[in-house]
């Protein structure tokens, strides 16, 4: 009996290993299709909008403006951030918007392609890569504005600024990984997307997006344990030329995200076709 169990487990592990390999292979092999889909979506997105590419700036700028106004009027007293507050708050809201967009990207791209998936057989991983390409395009625009602010407020160039895009890639990987596990459930229950949106809004206030980590207290402990904190602070520190205080935690989050990303791809690959078929029946 034990021998049969071991053989079954070994065969099962081999099957999972083959599926993981196939999923990773299809993800990287779908580059051309994903690029075409991303180009189509980006052109369509801005062609049908009067303000066009300006919408890429509106979310982080509007969020930053609210906190800059509250801080400047004394409505909210915030601790010293060590850098000009407009740059601090804009960089935080920018990175936060990238993370939230990457979490929602797998669900939105899968929903948009639901009709195609029932008619055409193609690697479903292409939809994930499409979302990443669109995120990279939108993020590059926001990063360009952040660089302008960095020079406008006298912070200037630091060599660590060259590493900032890599921190953004890690943030996109982290968010996309979460999105991969959420997407199948979100397609079945629409309430999940609303819960995620509400949860992210609340989570922002226990993440040092618009204010620094307190020097003591319960909130300090919560923020330091929050994995989002390492992504926000490390990316911001690299952009502003300060020493990354949470670089070690950031590396751990990046390493775990990389491993879970491919597991999430496998989960997405096996579940999405079944769910889409049932929803279309």
C-alpha atoms as a PDB file:
ATOM      1  CA  UNK A   1       0.000   0.000   0.000  1.00  0.00           C
ATOM      2  CA  UNK A   2       2.814   2.405   0.892  1.00  0.00           C
ATOM      3  CA  UNK A   3       4.636   1.517  -2.325  1.00  0.00           C
ATOM      4  CA  UNK A   4       1.532   2.246  -4.405  1.00  0.00           C
ATOM      5  CA  UNK A   5       1.070   5.559  -2.598  1.00  0.00           C
ATOM      6  CA  UNK A   6       4.688   6.570  -3.268  1.00  0.00           C
ATOM      7  CA  UNK A   7       4.338   5.648  -6.960  1.00  0.00           C
ATOM      8  CA  UNK A   8       1.119   7.662  -7.215  1.00  0.00           C
ATOM      9  CA  UNK A   9       2.731  10.681  -5.533  1.00  0.00           C
ATOM     10  CA  UNK A  10       5.748  10.437  -7.819  1.00  0.00           C
ATOM     11  CA  UNK A  11       3.554  10.286 -10.932  1.00  0.00           C
ATOM     12  CA  UNK A  12       1.472  13.184  -9.657  1.00  0.00           C
ATOM     13  CA  UNK A  13       4.594  15.273  -9.000  1.00  0.00           C
ATOM     14  CA  UNK A  14       5.840  14.520 -12.517  1.00  0.00           C
ATOM     15  CA  UNK A  15       2.532  15.659 -13.999  1.00  0.00           C
ATOM     16  CA  UNK A  16       2.608  18.892 -12.011  1.00  0.00           C
ATOM     17  CA  UNK A  17       6.223  19.456 -13.043  1.00  0.00           C
ATOM     18  CA  UNK A  18       5.338  18.990 -16.718  1.00  0.00           C
ATOM     19  CA  UNK A  19       2.382  21.363 -16.400  1.00  0.00           C
ATOM     20  CA  UNK A  20       4.553  23.988 -14.701  1.00  0.00           C
ATOM     21  CA  UNK A  21       7.143  23.688 -17.442  1.00  0.00           C
ATOM     22  CA  UNK A  22       4.499  23.913 -20.179  1.00  0.00           C
ATOM     23  CA  UNK A  23       2.872  26.931 -18.543  1.00  0.00           C
ATOM     24  CA  UNK A  24       6.181  28.785 -18.193  1.00  0.00           C
ATOM     25  CA  UNK A  25       7.118  27.895 -21.782  1.00  0.00           C
ATOM     26  CA  UNK A  26       3.801  29.181 -23.165  1.00  0.00           C
ATOM     27  CA  UNK A  27       4.131  32.364 -21.109  1.00  0.00           C
ATOM     28  CA  UNK A  28       7.482  33.298 -22.659  1.00  0.00           C
ATOM     29  CA  UNK A  29       6.562  31.936 -26.102  1.00  0.00           C
ATOM     30  CA  UNK A  30       3.426  34.096 -26.333  1.00  0.00           C
ATOM     31  CA  UNK A  31       5.490  37.293 -26.567  1.00  0.00           C
ATOM     32  CA  UNK A  32       4.354  38.187 -30.096  1.00  0.00           C
ATOM     33  CA  UNK A  33       0.644  37.586 -29.446  1.00  0.00           C
ATOM     34  CA  UNK A  34       0.782  39.460 -26.137  1.00  0.00           C
ATOM     35  CA  UNK A  35       2.548  42.402 -27.790  1.00  0.00           C
ATOM     36  CA  UNK A  36      -0.111  42.593 -30.509  1.00  0.00           C
ATOM     37  CA  UNK A  37      -2.951  42.442 -27.980  1.00  0.00           C
ATOM     38  CA  UNK A  38      -1.299  45.059 -25.754  1.00  0.00           C
ATOM     39  CA  UNK A  39      -0.726  47.415 -28.700  1.00  0.00           C
ATOM     40  CA  UNK A  40      -4.348  47.035 -29.770  1.00  0.00           C
ATOM     41  CA  UNK A  41      -5.672  47.679 -26.251  1.00  0.00           C
ATOM     42  CA  UNK A  42      -3.429  50.704 -25.645  1.00  0.00           C
ATOM     43  CA  UNK A  43      -4.396  52.336 -28.947  1.00  0.00           C
ATOM     44  CA  UNK A  44      -8.065  51.608 -28.314  1.00  0.00           C
ATOM     45  CA  UNK A  45      -7.870  52.917 -24.760  1.00  0.00           C
ATOM     46  CA  UNK A  46      -6.446  56.305 -25.701  1.00  0.00           C
ATOM     47  CA  UNK A  47      -8.232  56.662 -29.048  1.00  0.00           C
ATOM     48  CA  UNK A  48     -11.632  56.537 -27.386  1.00  0.00           C
ATOM     49  CA  UNK A  49     -10.674  59.069 -24.701  1.00  0.00           C
ATOM     50  CA  UNK A  50     -10.751  62.851 -25.129  1.00  0.00           C
ATOM     51  CA  UNK A  51      -7.940  63.395 -22.612  1.00  0.00           C
ATOM     52  CA  UNK A  52      -5.979  60.467 -24.035  1.00  0.00           C
ATOM     53  CA  UNK A  53      -2.699  59.663 -22.330  1.00  0.00           C
ATOM     54  CA  UNK A  54      -3.340  62.260 -19.608  1.00  0.00           C
ATOM     55  CA  UNK A  55      -5.463  59.645 -17.808  1.00  0.00           C
ATOM     56  CA  UNK A  56      -2.264  57.773 -16.986  1.00  0.00           C
ATOM     57  CA  UNK A  57      -1.326  60.658 -14.655  1.00  0.00           C
ATOM     58  CA  UNK A  58      -4.703  61.498 -13.162  1.00  0.00           C
ATOM     59  CA  UNK A  59      -4.927  58.805 -10.446  1.00  0.00           C
ATOM     60  CA  UNK A  60      -1.524  59.374  -8.763  1.00  0.00           C
ATOM     61  CA  UNK A  61      -1.680  63.156  -9.252  1.00  0.00           C
ATOM     62  CA  UNK A  62      -5.193  63.515  -7.799  1.00  0.00           C
ATOM     63  CA  UNK A  63      -4.347  61.310  -4.795  1.00  0.00           C
ATOM     64  CA  UNK A  64      -1.100  63.189  -4.206  1.00  0.00           C
ATOM     65  CA  UNK A  65      -2.804  66.582  -4.523  1.00  0.00           C
ATOM     66  CA  UNK A  66      -5.346  65.739  -1.806  1.00  0.00           C
ATOM     67  CA  UNK A  67      -2.624  64.861   0.697  1.00  0.00           C
ATOM     68  CA  UNK A  68      -0.421  67.804  -0.285  1.00  0.00           C
ATOM     69  CA  UNK A  69      -3.404  70.115   0.311  1.00  0.00           C
ATOM     70  CA  UNK A  70      -4.274  68.528   3.665  1.00  0.00           C
ATOM     71  CA  UNK A  71      -0.656  68.723   4.801  1.00  0.00           C
ATOM     72  CA  UNK A  72      -0.094  72.311   3.641  1.00  0.00           C
ATOM     73  CA  UNK A  73      -3.293  73.590   5.320  1.00  0.00           C
ATOM     74  CA  UNK A  74      -2.455  71.848   8.595  1.00  0.00           C
ATOM     75  CA  UNK A  75      -5.606  69.724   8.432  1.00  0.00           C
ATOM     76  CA  UNK A  76      -3.416  66.636   8.779  1.00  0.00           C
ATOM     77  CA  UNK A  77      -0.097  66.878  10.605  1.00  0.00           C
ATOM     78  CA  UNK A  78       2.416  64.473   9.121  1.00  0.00           C
ATOM     79  CA  UNK A  79       5.903  63.669  10.369  1.00  0.00           C
ATOM     80  CA  UNK A  80       8.947  64.874   8.453  1.00  0.00           C
ATOM     81  CA  UNK A  81       9.703  62.672   5.455  1.00  0.00           C
ATOM     82  CA  UNK A  82      13.263  63.899   4.856  1.00  0.00           C
ATOM     83  CA  UNK A  83      12.462  64.904   1.251  1.00  0.00           C
ATOM     84  CA  UNK A  84      10.076  67.476  -0.289  1.00  0.00           C
ATOM     85  CA  UNK A  85       6.596  66.233   0.557  1.00  0.00           C
ATOM     86  CA  UNK A  86       5.123  66.627  -2.977  1.00  0.00           C
ATOM     87  CA  UNK A  87       7.811  64.281  -4.337  1.00  0.00           C
ATOM     88  CA  UNK A  88       7.366  61.907  -1.393  1.00  0.00           C
ATOM     89  CA  UNK A  89       3.609  61.619  -1.748  1.00  0.00           C
ATOM     90  CA  UNK A  90       3.597  61.482  -5.565  1.00  0.00           C
ATOM     91  CA  UNK A  91       6.212  58.715  -5.639  1.00  0.00           C
ATOM     92  CA  UNK A  92       4.220  56.759  -3.061  1.00  0.00           C
ATOM     93  CA  UNK A  93       0.881  57.086  -4.851  1.00  0.00           C
ATOM     94  CA  UNK A  94       2.568  56.312  -8.180  1.00  0.00           C
ATOM     95  CA  UNK A  95       4.074  53.046  -6.918  1.00  0.00           C
ATOM     96  CA  UNK A  96       0.843  52.159  -5.138  1.00  0.00           C
ATOM     97  CA  UNK A  97      -1.204  52.706  -8.308  1.00  0.00           C
ATOM     98  CA  UNK A  98       1.157  50.429 -10.242  1.00  0.00           C
ATOM     99  CA  UNK A  99       0.771  47.660  -7.651  1.00  0.00           C
ATOM    100  CA  UNK A 100      -3.031  47.936  -7.554  1.00  0.00           C
ATOM    101  CA  UNK A 101      -3.245  47.978 -11.353  1.00  0.00           C
ATOM    102  CA  UNK A 102      -1.078  44.867 -11.542  1.00  0.00           C
ATOM    103  CA  UNK A 103      -3.338  43.073  -9.044  1.00  0.00           C
ATOM    104  CA  UNK A 104      -6.432  43.901 -11.098  1.00  0.00           C
ATOM    105  CA  UNK A 105      -4.783  43.348 -14.495  1.00  0.00           C
ATOM    106  CA  UNK A 106      -5.198  39.520 -14.801  1.00  0.00           C
ATOM    107  CA  UNK A 107      -8.909  39.746 -13.993  1.00  0.00           C
ATOM    108  CA  UNK A 108      -9.644  42.659 -16.338  1.00  0.00           C
ATOM    109  CA  UNK A 109      -7.684  41.135 -19.236  1.00  0.00           C
ATOM    110  CA  UNK A 110      -9.311  37.727 -18.796  1.00  0.00           C
ATOM    111  CA  UNK A 111     -12.787  39.253 -18.625  1.00  0.00           C
ATOM    112  CA  UNK A 112     -12.126  41.277 -21.775  1.00  0.00           C
ATOM    113  CA  UNK A 113     -10.982  38.172 -23.682  1.00  0.00           C
ATOM    114  CA  UNK A 114     -13.719  35.835 -22.472  1.00  0.00           C
ATOM    115  CA  UNK A 115     -15.474  35.814 -25.855  1.00  0.00           C
ATOM    116  CA  UNK A 116     -12.248  35.102 -27.734  1.00  0.00           C
ATOM    117  CA  UNK A 117     -11.287  32.207 -25.459  1.00  0.00           C
ATOM    118  CA  UNK A 118     -14.476  30.307 -26.301  1.00  0.00           C
ATOM    119  CA  UNK A 119     -13.795  30.572 -30.049  1.00  0.00           C
ATOM    120  CA  UNK A 120     -10.013  30.515 -30.474  1.00  0.00           C
ATOM    121  CA  UNK A 121      -7.475  28.183 -28.905  1.00  0.00           C
ATOM    122  CA  UNK A 122      -4.382  30.115 -27.810  1.00  0.00           C
ATOM    123  CA  UNK A 123      -2.061  30.128 -24.774  1.00  0.00           C
ATOM    124  CA  UNK A 124      -4.038  31.780 -21.976  1.00  0.00           C
ATOM    125  CA  UNK A 125      -0.734  32.958 -20.479  1.00  0.00           C
ATOM    126  CA  UNK A 126      -0.632  35.512 -23.315  1.00  0.00           C
ATOM    127  CA  UNK A 127      -3.363  37.458 -21.496  1.00  0.00           C
ATOM    128  CA  UNK A 128      -1.157  37.791 -18.427  1.00  0.00           C
ATOM    129  CA  UNK A 129       1.811  38.944 -20.495  1.00  0.00           C
ATOM    130  CA  UNK A 130      -0.482  41.401 -22.291  1.00  0.00           C
ATOM    131  CA  UNK A 131      -1.397  42.942 -18.963  1.00  0.00           C
ATOM    132  CA  UNK A 132       2.266  43.228 -17.989  1.00  0.00           C
ATOM    133  CA  UNK A 133       3.106  44.986 -21.273  1.00  0.00           C
ATOM    134  CA  UNK A 134       0.293  47.487 -20.755  1.00  0.00           C
ATOM    135  CA  UNK A 135       1.446  48.083 -17.185  1.00  0.00           C
ATOM    136  CA  UNK A 136       5.004  48.709 -18.360  1.00  0.00           C
ATOM    137  CA  UNK A 137       3.778  51.244 -20.926  1.00  0.00           C
ATOM    138  CA  UNK A 138       1.576  53.129 -18.456  1.00  0.00           C
ATOM    139  CA  UNK A 139       4.240  52.939 -15.743  1.00  0.00           C
ATOM    140  CA  UNK A 140       6.928  54.385 -18.014  1.00  0.00           C
ATOM    141  CA  UNK A 141       4.795  57.509 -18.485  1.00  0.00           C
ATOM    142  CA  UNK A 142       4.328  57.946 -14.724  1.00  0.00           C
ATOM    143  CA  UNK A 143       8.011  57.321 -14.032  1.00  0.00           C
ATOM    144  CA  UNK A 144       8.900  60.035 -16.559  1.00  0.00           C
ATOM    145  CA  UNK A 145       6.787  62.540 -14.624  1.00  0.00           C
ATOM    146  CA  UNK A 146       8.360  61.444 -11.327  1.00  0.00           C
ATOM    147  CA  UNK A 147      11.846  62.035 -12.740  1.00  0.00           C
ATOM    148  CA  UNK A 148      10.786  65.545 -13.764  1.00  0.00           C
ATOM    149  CA  UNK A 149       9.576  66.230 -10.199  1.00  0.00           C
ATOM    150  CA  UNK A 150      12.800  64.837  -8.723  1.00  0.00           C
ATOM    151  CA  UNK A 151      14.833  67.391 -10.666  1.00  0.00           C
ATOM    152  CA  UNK A 152      12.257  70.194 -10.262  1.00  0.00           C
ATOM    153  CA  UNK A 153      12.399  69.934  -6.448  1.00  0.00           C
ATOM    154  CA  UNK A 154      16.206  69.915  -6.367  1.00  0.00           C
ATOM    155  CA  UNK A 155      16.783  66.274  -5.425  1.00  0.00           C
ATOM    156  CA  UNK A 156      18.716  65.663  -8.626  1.00  0.00           C
ATOM    157  CA  UNK A 157      20.268  62.542 -10.097  1.00  0.00           C
ATOM    158  CA  UNK A 158      21.495  59.632  -7.969  1.00  0.00           C
ATOM    159  CA  UNK A 159      22.944  56.388  -9.313  1.00  0.00           C
ATOM    160  CA  UNK A 160      20.268  54.472  -7.422  1.00  0.00           C
ATOM    161  CA  UNK A 161      17.705  56.059  -9.749  1.00  0.00           C
ATOM    162  CA  UNK A 162      18.907  53.649 -12.441  1.00  0.00           C
ATOM    163  CA  UNK A 163      17.738  50.746 -10.239  1.00  0.00           C
ATOM    164  CA  UNK A 164      14.277  52.240  -9.741  1.00  0.00           C
ATOM    165  CA  UNK A 165      12.777  50.514 -12.846  1.00  0.00           C
ATOM    166  CA  UNK A 166      13.875  47.129 -11.466  1.00  0.00           C
ATOM    167  CA  UNK A 167      12.005  47.867  -8.236  1.00  0.00           C
ATOM    168  CA  UNK A 168       8.926  48.721 -10.323  1.00  0.00           C
ATOM    169  CA  UNK A 169       9.271  45.388 -12.152  1.00  0.00           C
ATOM    170  CA  UNK A 170       9.340  43.631  -8.775  1.00  0.00           C
ATOM    171  CA  UNK A 171       6.182  45.505  -7.743  1.00  0.00           C
ATOM    172  CA  UNK A 172       4.440  44.473 -10.981  1.00  0.00           C
ATOM    173  CA  UNK A 173       5.505  40.853 -10.450  1.00  0.00           C
ATOM    174  CA  UNK A 174       4.181  40.932  -6.874  1.00  0.00           C
ATOM    175  CA  UNK A 175       0.833  42.408  -7.892  1.00  0.00           C
ATOM    176  CA  UNK A 176       0.405  40.133 -10.917  1.00  0.00           C
ATOM    177  CA  UNK A 177       1.114  37.075  -8.758  1.00  0.00           C
ATOM    178  CA  UNK A 178      -1.683  38.049  -6.380  1.00  0.00           C
ATOM    179  CA  UNK A 179      -3.943  38.708  -9.358  1.00  0.00           C
ATOM    180  CA  UNK A 180      -3.309  35.239 -10.797  1.00  0.00           C
ATOM    181  CA  UNK A 181      -4.743  33.569  -7.713  1.00  0.00           C
ATOM    182  CA  UNK A 182      -7.643  36.005  -7.423  1.00  0.00           C
ATOM    183  CA  UNK A 183      -8.785  35.941 -11.079  1.00  0.00           C
ATOM    184  CA  UNK A 184     -10.474  32.495 -11.217  1.00  0.00           C
ATOM    185  CA  UNK A 185     -12.499  33.302  -8.103  1.00  0.00           C
ATOM    186  CA  UNK A 186     -13.325  36.812  -9.353  1.00  0.00           C
ATOM    187  CA  UNK A 187     -14.750  35.405 -12.586  1.00  0.00           C
ATOM    188  CA  UNK A 188     -17.165  33.207 -10.646  1.00  0.00           C
ATOM    189  CA  UNK A 189     -18.132  35.722  -7.943  1.00  0.00           C
ATOM    190  CA  UNK A 190     -18.339  39.394  -8.943  1.00  0.00           C
ATOM    191  CA  UNK A 191     -18.310  40.381  -5.275  1.00  0.00           C
ATOM    192  CA  UNK A 192     -14.624  39.433  -5.058  1.00  0.00           C
ATOM    193  CA  UNK A 193     -13.556  42.344  -7.282  1.00  0.00           C
ATOM    194  CA  UNK A 194     -15.478  44.774  -5.066  1.00  0.00           C
ATOM    195  CA  UNK A 195     -13.981  43.278  -1.918  1.00  0.00           C
ATOM    196  CA  UNK A 196     -10.467  43.524  -3.390  1.00  0.00           C
ATOM    197  CA  UNK A 197     -11.026  47.164  -4.368  1.00  0.00           C
ATOM    198  CA  UNK A 198     -12.307  48.051  -0.905  1.00  0.00           C
ATOM    199  CA  UNK A 199      -9.541  46.060   0.778  1.00  0.00           C
ATOM    200  CA  UNK A 200      -6.806  47.823  -1.211  1.00  0.00           C
ATOM    201  CA  UNK A 201      -8.274  51.209  -0.286  1.00  0.00           C
ATOM    202  CA  UNK A 202      -8.047  50.306   3.395  1.00  0.00           C
ATOM    203  CA  UNK A 203      -4.632  48.659   3.001  1.00  0.00           C
ATOM    204  CA  UNK A 204      -3.192  51.898   1.635  1.00  0.00           C
ATOM    205  CA  UNK A 205      -3.595  53.492   5.072  1.00  0.00           C
ATOM    206  CA  UNK A 206      -1.439  50.855   6.767  1.00  0.00           C
ATOM    207  CA  UNK A 207       1.230  51.217   4.098  1.00  0.00           C
ATOM    208  CA  UNK A 208       3.645  54.199   4.042  1.00  0.00           C
ATOM    209  CA  UNK A 209       2.281  55.596   0.796  1.00  0.00           C
ATOM    210  CA  UNK A 210       1.466  59.174   1.824  1.00  0.00           C
ATOM    211  CA  UNK A 211       3.185  59.359   5.221  1.00  0.00           C
ATOM    212  CA  UNK A 212       6.283  57.918   6.850  1.00  0.00           C
ATOM    213  CA  UNK A 213       6.309  54.931   9.218  1.00  0.00           C
ATOM    214  CA  UNK A 214       5.712  56.068  12.811  1.00  0.00           C
ATOM    215  CA  UNK A 215       8.731  55.838  15.116  1.00  0.00           C
ATOM    216  CA  UNK A 216       6.855  53.668  17.626  1.00  0.00           C
ATOM    217  CA  UNK A 217       3.516  52.065  18.382  1.00  0.00           C
ATOM    218  CA  UNK A 218       1.253  49.388  16.924  1.00  0.00           C
ATOM    219  CA  UNK A 219       1.041  51.045  13.506  1.00  0.00           C
ATOM    220  CA  UNK A 220       4.829  50.901  13.186  1.00  0.00           C
ATOM    221  CA  UNK A 221       4.775  47.131  13.779  1.00  0.00           C
ATOM    222  CA  UNK A 222       1.908  46.577  11.325  1.00  0.00           C
ATOM    223  CA  UNK A 223       3.586  48.629   8.616  1.00  0.00           C
ATOM    224  CA  UNK A 224       6.922  46.875   9.022  1.00  0.00           C
ATOM    225  CA  UNK A 225       5.257  43.452   8.676  1.00  0.00           C
ATOM    226  CA  UNK A 226       3.244  44.561   5.651  1.00  0.00           C
ATOM    227  CA  UNK A 227       4.936  43.193   2.463  1.00  0.00           C
ATOM    228  CA  UNK A 228       3.627  46.168   0.483  1.00  0.00           C
ATOM    229  CA  UNK A 229       5.799  48.391   2.687  1.00  0.00           C
ATOM    230  CA  UNK A 230       9.058  46.875   1.452  1.00  0.00           C
ATOM    231  CA  UNK A 231       8.020  47.404  -2.178  1.00  0.00           C
ATOM    232  CA  UNK A 232       6.907  51.008  -1.677  1.00  0.00           C
ATOM    233  CA  UNK A 233       9.847  52.097   0.463  1.00  0.00           C
ATOM    234  CA  UNK A 234      12.586  50.350  -1.519  1.00  0.00           C
ATOM    235  CA  UNK A 235      11.332  51.740  -4.836  1.00  0.00           C
ATOM    236  CA  UNK A 236      10.944  55.214  -3.341  1.00  0.00           C
ATOM    237  CA  UNK A 237      14.380  55.131  -1.687  1.00  0.00           C
ATOM    238  CA  UNK A 238      16.016  54.124  -4.964  1.00  0.00           C
ATOM    239  CA  UNK A 239      14.211  56.913  -6.819  1.00  0.00           C
ATOM    240  CA  UNK A 240      15.068  59.601  -4.265  1.00  0.00           C
ATOM    241  CA  UNK A 241      18.638  58.501  -3.599  1.00  0.00           C
ATOM    242  CA  UNK A 242      18.214  57.503   0.053  1.00  0.00           C
ATOM    243  CA  UNK A 243      19.489  54.287   1.617  1.00  0.00           C
ATOM    244  CA  UNK A 244      16.936  51.411   1.233  1.00  0.00           C
ATOM    245  CA  UNK A 245      16.115  50.467   4.815  1.00  0.00           C
ATOM    246  CA  UNK A 246      13.993  47.462   3.852  1.00  0.00           C
ATOM    247  CA  UNK A 247      16.127  46.032   1.059  1.00  0.00           C
ATOM    248  CA  UNK A 248      16.436  42.625   2.760  1.00  0.00           C
ATOM    249  CA  UNK A 249      12.673  42.282   3.173  1.00  0.00           C
ATOM    250  CA  UNK A 250      12.247  43.477  -0.414  1.00  0.00           C
ATOM    251  CA  UNK A 251      14.527  40.709  -1.690  1.00  0.00           C
ATOM    252  CA  UNK A 252      12.547  38.095   0.233  1.00  0.00           C
ATOM    253  CA  UNK A 253       9.244  39.403  -1.165  1.00  0.00           C
ATOM    254  CA  UNK A 254      10.700  39.378  -4.683  1.00  0.00           C
ATOM    255  CA  UNK A 255      12.043  35.815  -4.327  1.00  0.00           C
ATOM    256  CA  UNK A 256       8.752  34.455  -2.944  1.00  0.00           C
ATOM    257  CA  UNK A 257       6.754  36.334  -5.587  1.00  0.00           C
ATOM    258  CA  UNK A 258       8.878  34.806  -8.360  1.00  0.00           C
ATOM    259  CA  UNK A 259       8.236  31.271  -7.098  1.00  0.00           C
ATOM    260  CA  UNK A 260       4.524  31.837  -6.539  1.00  0.00           C
ATOM    261  CA  UNK A 261       4.174  33.522  -9.932  1.00  0.00           C
ATOM    262  CA  UNK A 262       4.776  30.270 -11.826  1.00  0.00           C
ATOM    263  CA  UNK A 263       2.508  28.355  -9.451  1.00  0.00           C
ATOM    264  CA  UNK A 264      -0.118  31.031 -10.083  1.00  0.00           C
ATOM    265  CA  UNK A 265       0.368  30.611 -13.837  1.00  0.00           C
ATOM    266  CA  UNK A 266      -0.306  26.895 -13.480  1.00  0.00           C
ATOM    267  CA  UNK A 267      -3.426  27.584 -11.403  1.00  0.00           C
ATOM    268  CA  UNK A 268      -4.585  30.111 -14.011  1.00  0.00           C
ATOM    269  CA  UNK A 269      -3.840  27.778 -16.932  1.00  0.00           C
ATOM    270  CA  UNK A 270      -5.814  24.865 -15.512  1.00  0.00           C
ATOM    271  CA  UNK A 271      -8.786  26.767 -14.062  1.00  0.00           C
ATOM    272  CA  UNK A 272      -9.592  29.563 -16.519  1.00  0.00           C
ATOM    273  CA  UNK A 273     -10.666  27.406 -19.530  1.00  0.00           C
ATOM    274  CA  UNK A 274     -13.049  25.425 -17.305  1.00  0.00           C
ATOM    275  CA  UNK A 275     -14.512  28.535 -15.677  1.00  0.00           C
ATOM    276  CA  UNK A 276     -14.949  30.422 -18.980  1.00  0.00           C
ATOM    277  CA  UNK A 277     -16.629  27.387 -20.558  1.00  0.00           C
ATOM    278  CA  UNK A 278     -19.082  27.104 -17.688  1.00  0.00           C
ATOM    279  CA  UNK A 279     -19.861  30.823 -17.681  1.00  0.00           C
ATOM    280  CA  UNK A 280     -20.460  30.786 -21.449  1.00  0.00           C
ATOM    281  CA  UNK A 281     -22.743  27.743 -21.330  1.00  0.00           C
END
